[in-house]
Amino acid sequence: MNEKLLANVRFYFAQSVFNSRCHFIAMDRLEKKEKRLSIFISIISAMTIISLILQIFGLEKNYQKIINFAAYLGLFTTAVSLIFEMFNKNDRIKEIFQHKIYAEKYKTLRDKYMGLIEEIMSNSASEDKSRNKRDKFQNQYSSIGEFAPSIDNIDYEQARIGLGISKYNKEEFTWADSEIDKFLPKQLHIS
């Protein structure tokens, strides 16, 4: 068993686990934000409809105070709605979908790396064949990362906490064997 090859593959396995988790967390965060915005828009729409109903009621009963109140309420809710639309041009649904796609791509790559780890540890394939697979997987890893949507620091930190690595490792691009072992079946642990 080539320990350096194994260490390299384990590193990229851990990176794939981490990146997959980051994208799933980003997806969840954006879905929650989209839901909050949808509720806000529903409230504004309901207030606009209420103002129209109040205006109709005021006109029928000839209540000037209700008509004035409803007009101001309608003006306010329309202004809030317009301002909100001007500053909220993001297409979060597309971004949510992209994070899901890339989370799944990293998850698929993670599974490929796990198979390669098992292959290297059991010496079931030649070293050249394992290196070729490693190179192929590293190219896939680079390709995924090149086009993946950005991750916020909040998502990054939440992934670290969720994977149980924040208290052990403050380095961004290193992994202790014990941290990687947490992501692998017991039979593939090395520490």
Protein backbone atom coordinates (compact mmCIF):
# COMPACT_ATOMS: atom_id res chain seq x y z
CA MET A 1 0.00 0.00 0.00
CA ASN A 2 1.35 3.39 -1.01
CA GLU A 3 0.76 5.61 2.05
CA LYS A 4 1.38 8.87 0.18
CA LEU A 5 -1.15 7.97 -2.49
CA LEU A 6 -3.61 6.99 0.24
CA ALA A 7 -3.02 10.26 2.10
CA ASN A 8 -3.65 12.25 -1.06
CA VAL A 9 -6.87 10.38 -1.84
CA ARG A 10 -8.07 10.71 1.76
CA PHE A 11 -7.44 14.47 1.62
CA TYR A 12 -9.61 14.89 -1.48
CA PHE A 13 -12.21 12.57 -0.01
CA ALA A 14 -12.44 14.87 3.04
CA GLN A 15 -12.57 17.95 0.81
CA SER A 16 -15.44 16.39 -1.14
CA VAL A 17 -17.32 15.61 2.08
CA PHE A 18 -16.78 19.15 3.31
CA ASN A 19 -17.74 20.85 0.04
CA SER A 20 -20.86 18.73 -0.29
CA ARG A 21 -21.89 19.73 3.23
CA CYS A 22 -21.20 23.42 2.52
CA HIS A 23 -23.45 23.38 -0.53
CA PHE A 24 -26.25 21.55 1.29
CA ILE A 25 -26.07 24.14 4.08
CA ALA A 26 -26.08 27.00 1.55
CA MET A 27 -29.11 25.44 -0.11
CA ASP A 28 -30.94 25.20 3.23
CA ARG A 29 -30.06 28.79 4.14
CA LEU A 30 -31.31 30.12 0.81
CA GLU A 31 -34.52 28.06 1.01
CA LYS A 32 -35.25 29.54 4.45
CA LYS A 33 -34.55 33.03 3.15
CA GLU A 34 -36.83 32.46 0.16
CA LYS A 35 -39.59 31.25 2.47
CA ARG A 36 -39.26 34.35 4.69
CA LEU A 37 -39.41 36.61 1.63
CA SER A 38 -42.45 34.76 0.35
CA ILE A 39 -44.22 35.31 3.68
CA PHE A 40 -43.28 39.01 3.61
CA ILE A 41 -44.64 39.40 0.07
CA SER A 42 -47.84 37.60 1.07
CA ILE A 43 -48.33 39.99 4.00
CA ILE A 44 -47.78 43.04 1.79
CA SER A 45 -50.22 41.65 -0.79
CA ALA A 46 -52.81 40.95 1.90
CA MET A 47 -52.46 44.49 3.26
CA THR A 48 -52.95 45.91 -0.26
CA ILE A 49 -56.10 43.83 -0.75
CA ILE A 50 -57.40 44.91 2.67
CA SER A 51 -56.82 48.55 1.73
CA LEU A 52 -58.86 48.06 -1.46
CA ILE A 53 -61.69 46.42 0.47
CA LEU A 54 -61.65 49.25 3.01
CA GLN A 55 -61.80 51.82 0.23
CA ILE A 56 -64.80 50.08 -1.34
CA PHE A 57 -66.49 49.83 2.06
CA GLY A 58 -65.75 53.50 2.77
CA LEU A 59 -67.17 54.57 -0.58
CA GLU A 60 -70.36 52.55 -0.06
CA LYS A 61 -70.93 53.89 3.44
CA ASN A 62 -69.56 57.34 2.66
CA TYR A 63 -66.94 57.16 5.45
CA GLN A 64 -64.22 59.62 4.55
CA LYS A 65 -61.87 58.52 7.40
CA ILE A 66 -61.93 54.91 6.22
CA ILE A 67 -61.33 56.01 2.63
CA ASN A 68 -58.36 58.18 3.71
CA PHE A 69 -56.89 55.44 5.92
CA ALA A 70 -57.29 52.83 3.19
CA ALA A 71 -55.76 55.14 0.59
CA TYR A 72 -52.70 55.77 2.76
CA LEU A 73 -52.41 52.07 3.60
CA GLY A 74 -52.63 51.19 -0.09
CA LEU A 75 -50.07 53.84 -0.97
CA PHE A 76 -47.71 52.61 1.74
CA THR A 77 -48.00 48.92 0.81
CA THR A 78 -47.57 49.69 -2.89
CA ALA A 79 -44.46 51.77 -2.14
CA VAL A 80 -43.01 49.01 0.06
CA SER A 81 -43.75 46.46 -2.64
CA LEU A 82 -42.10 48.57 -5.36
CA ILE A 83 -39.02 49.30 -3.26
CA PHE A 84 -38.75 45.63 -2.34
CA GLU A 85 -38.94 44.59 -5.99
CA MET A 86 -36.32 47.16 -7.00
CA PHE A 87 -33.75 45.87 -4.51
CA ASN A 88 -34.66 42.19 -4.56
CA LYS A 89 -33.81 41.08 -8.08
CA ASN A 90 -32.03 37.86 -7.04
CA ASP A 91 -33.21 34.62 -8.53
CA ARG A 92 -32.75 32.52 -5.41
CA ILE A 93 -34.54 29.51 -6.86
CA LYS A 94 -31.80 29.16 -9.48
CA GLU A 95 -29.10 29.60 -6.83
CA ILE A 96 -30.76 27.03 -4.54
CA PHE A 97 -30.89 24.58 -7.44
CA GLN A 98 -27.21 25.19 -8.29
CA HIS A 99 -26.14 24.51 -4.69
CA LYS A 100 -28.13 21.28 -4.73
CA ILE A 101 -26.54 20.16 -8.00
CA TYR A 102 -23.03 20.86 -6.77
CA ALA A 103 -23.67 19.27 -3.37
CA GLU A 104 -24.77 16.12 -5.19
CA LYS A 105 -21.74 16.25 -7.52
CA TYR A 106 -19.38 16.46 -4.55
CA LYS A 107 -21.32 13.65 -2.84
CA THR A 108 -20.92 11.43 -5.90
CA LEU A 109 -17.21 12.22 -6.02
CA ARG A 110 -16.96 11.49 -2.29
CA ASP A 111 -18.32 8.00 -2.94
CA LYS A 112 -15.80 7.45 -5.75
CA TYR A 113 -12.96 8.51 -3.45
CA MET A 114 -14.22 6.16 -0.75
CA GLY A 115 -14.09 3.28 -3.24
CA LEU A 116 -10.57 4.27 -4.21
CA ILE A 117 -9.51 4.39 -0.55
CA GLU A 118 -10.81 0.85 -0.10
CA GLU A 119 -9.01 -0.22 -3.27
CA ILE A 120 -5.68 1.26 -2.14
CA MET A 121 -5.94 -0.10 1.41
CA SER A 122 -6.78 -3.62 0.20
CA ASN A 123 -4.14 -3.59 -2.59
CA SER A 124 -6.83 -4.89 -4.95
CA ALA A 125 -5.53 -2.89 -7.93
CA SER A 126 -2.13 -1.93 -9.23
CA GLU A 127 -0.60 1.30 -8.01
CA ASP A 128 -0.66 2.73 -11.55
CA LYS A 129 -4.36 1.98 -11.90
CA SER A 130 -5.05 3.64 -8.54
CA ARG A 131 -2.99 6.69 -9.52
CA ASN A 132 -4.90 6.99 -12.79
CA LYS A 133 -8.19 6.90 -10.91
CA ARG A 134 -6.89 9.46 -8.45
CA ASP A 135 -5.87 11.77 -11.30
CA LYS A 136 -9.26 11.35 -12.96
CA PHE A 137 -11.06 12.13 -9.69
CA GLN A 138 -8.86 15.17 -9.03
CA ASN A 139 -9.74 16.51 -12.48
CA GLN A 140 -13.42 16.00 -11.65
CA TYR A 141 -12.91 17.73 -8.29
CA SER A 142 -11.27 20.73 -9.99
CA SER A 143 -13.96 20.88 -12.65
CA ILE A 144 -16.74 20.85 -10.06
CA GLY A 145 -15.05 23.56 -8.00
CA GLU A 146 -14.43 25.75 -11.03
CA PHE A 147 -18.13 26.24 -11.75
CA ALA A 148 -19.67 25.78 -8.30
CA PRO A 149 -21.53 28.74 -6.77
CA SER A 150 -19.74 30.61 -4.01
CA ILE A 151 -20.11 29.62 -0.39
CA ASP A 152 -20.68 32.24 2.30
CA ASN A 153 -18.54 32.25 5.44
CA ILE A 154 -21.66 31.38 7.43
CA ASP A 155 -22.19 28.23 5.37
CA TYR A 156 -18.51 27.37 5.68
CA GLU A 157 -18.55 27.70 9.48
CA GLN A 158 -21.84 25.81 9.78
CA ALA A 159 -20.33 22.95 7.76
CA ARG A 160 -17.29 22.86 10.04
CA ILE A 161 -19.52 22.73 13.10
CA GLY A 162 -21.88 20.18 11.53
CA LEU A 163 -19.01 17.88 10.64
CA GLY A 164 -17.48 18.26 14.10
CA ILE A 165 -14.19 19.74 12.95
CA SER A 166 -14.40 23.35 14.12
CA LYS A 167 -13.01 22.68 17.59
CA TYR A 168 -10.19 20.42 16.41
CA ASN A 169 -8.84 22.11 13.35
CA LYS A 170 -8.63 25.82 12.62
CA GLU A 171 -6.56 25.27 9.48
CA GLU A 172 -8.53 25.67 6.28
CA PHE A 173 -6.90 23.13 4.01
CA THR A 174 -5.56 20.43 6.28
CA TRP A 175 -7.20 17.35 7.73
CA ALA A 176 -6.09 15.23 10.65
CA ASP A 177 -6.39 11.49 10.10
CA SER A 178 -8.89 11.31 12.96
CA GLU A 179 -11.08 13.92 11.26
CA ILE A 180 -11.08 12.03 7.97
CA ASP A 181 -11.76 8.78 9.80
CA LYS A 182 -15.01 10.28 11.14
CA PHE A 183 -16.33 10.36 7.57
CA LEU A 184 -15.31 6.79 6.70
CA PRO A 185 -16.60 3.36 7.72
CA LYS A 186 -14.61 1.87 10.61
CA GLN A 187 -12.92 -0.64 8.29
CA LEU A 188 -11.28 2.23 6.37
CA HIS A 189 -9.89 4.09 9.42
CA ILE A 190 -6.14 4.48 9.72
CA SER A 191 -5.82 6.11 13.14
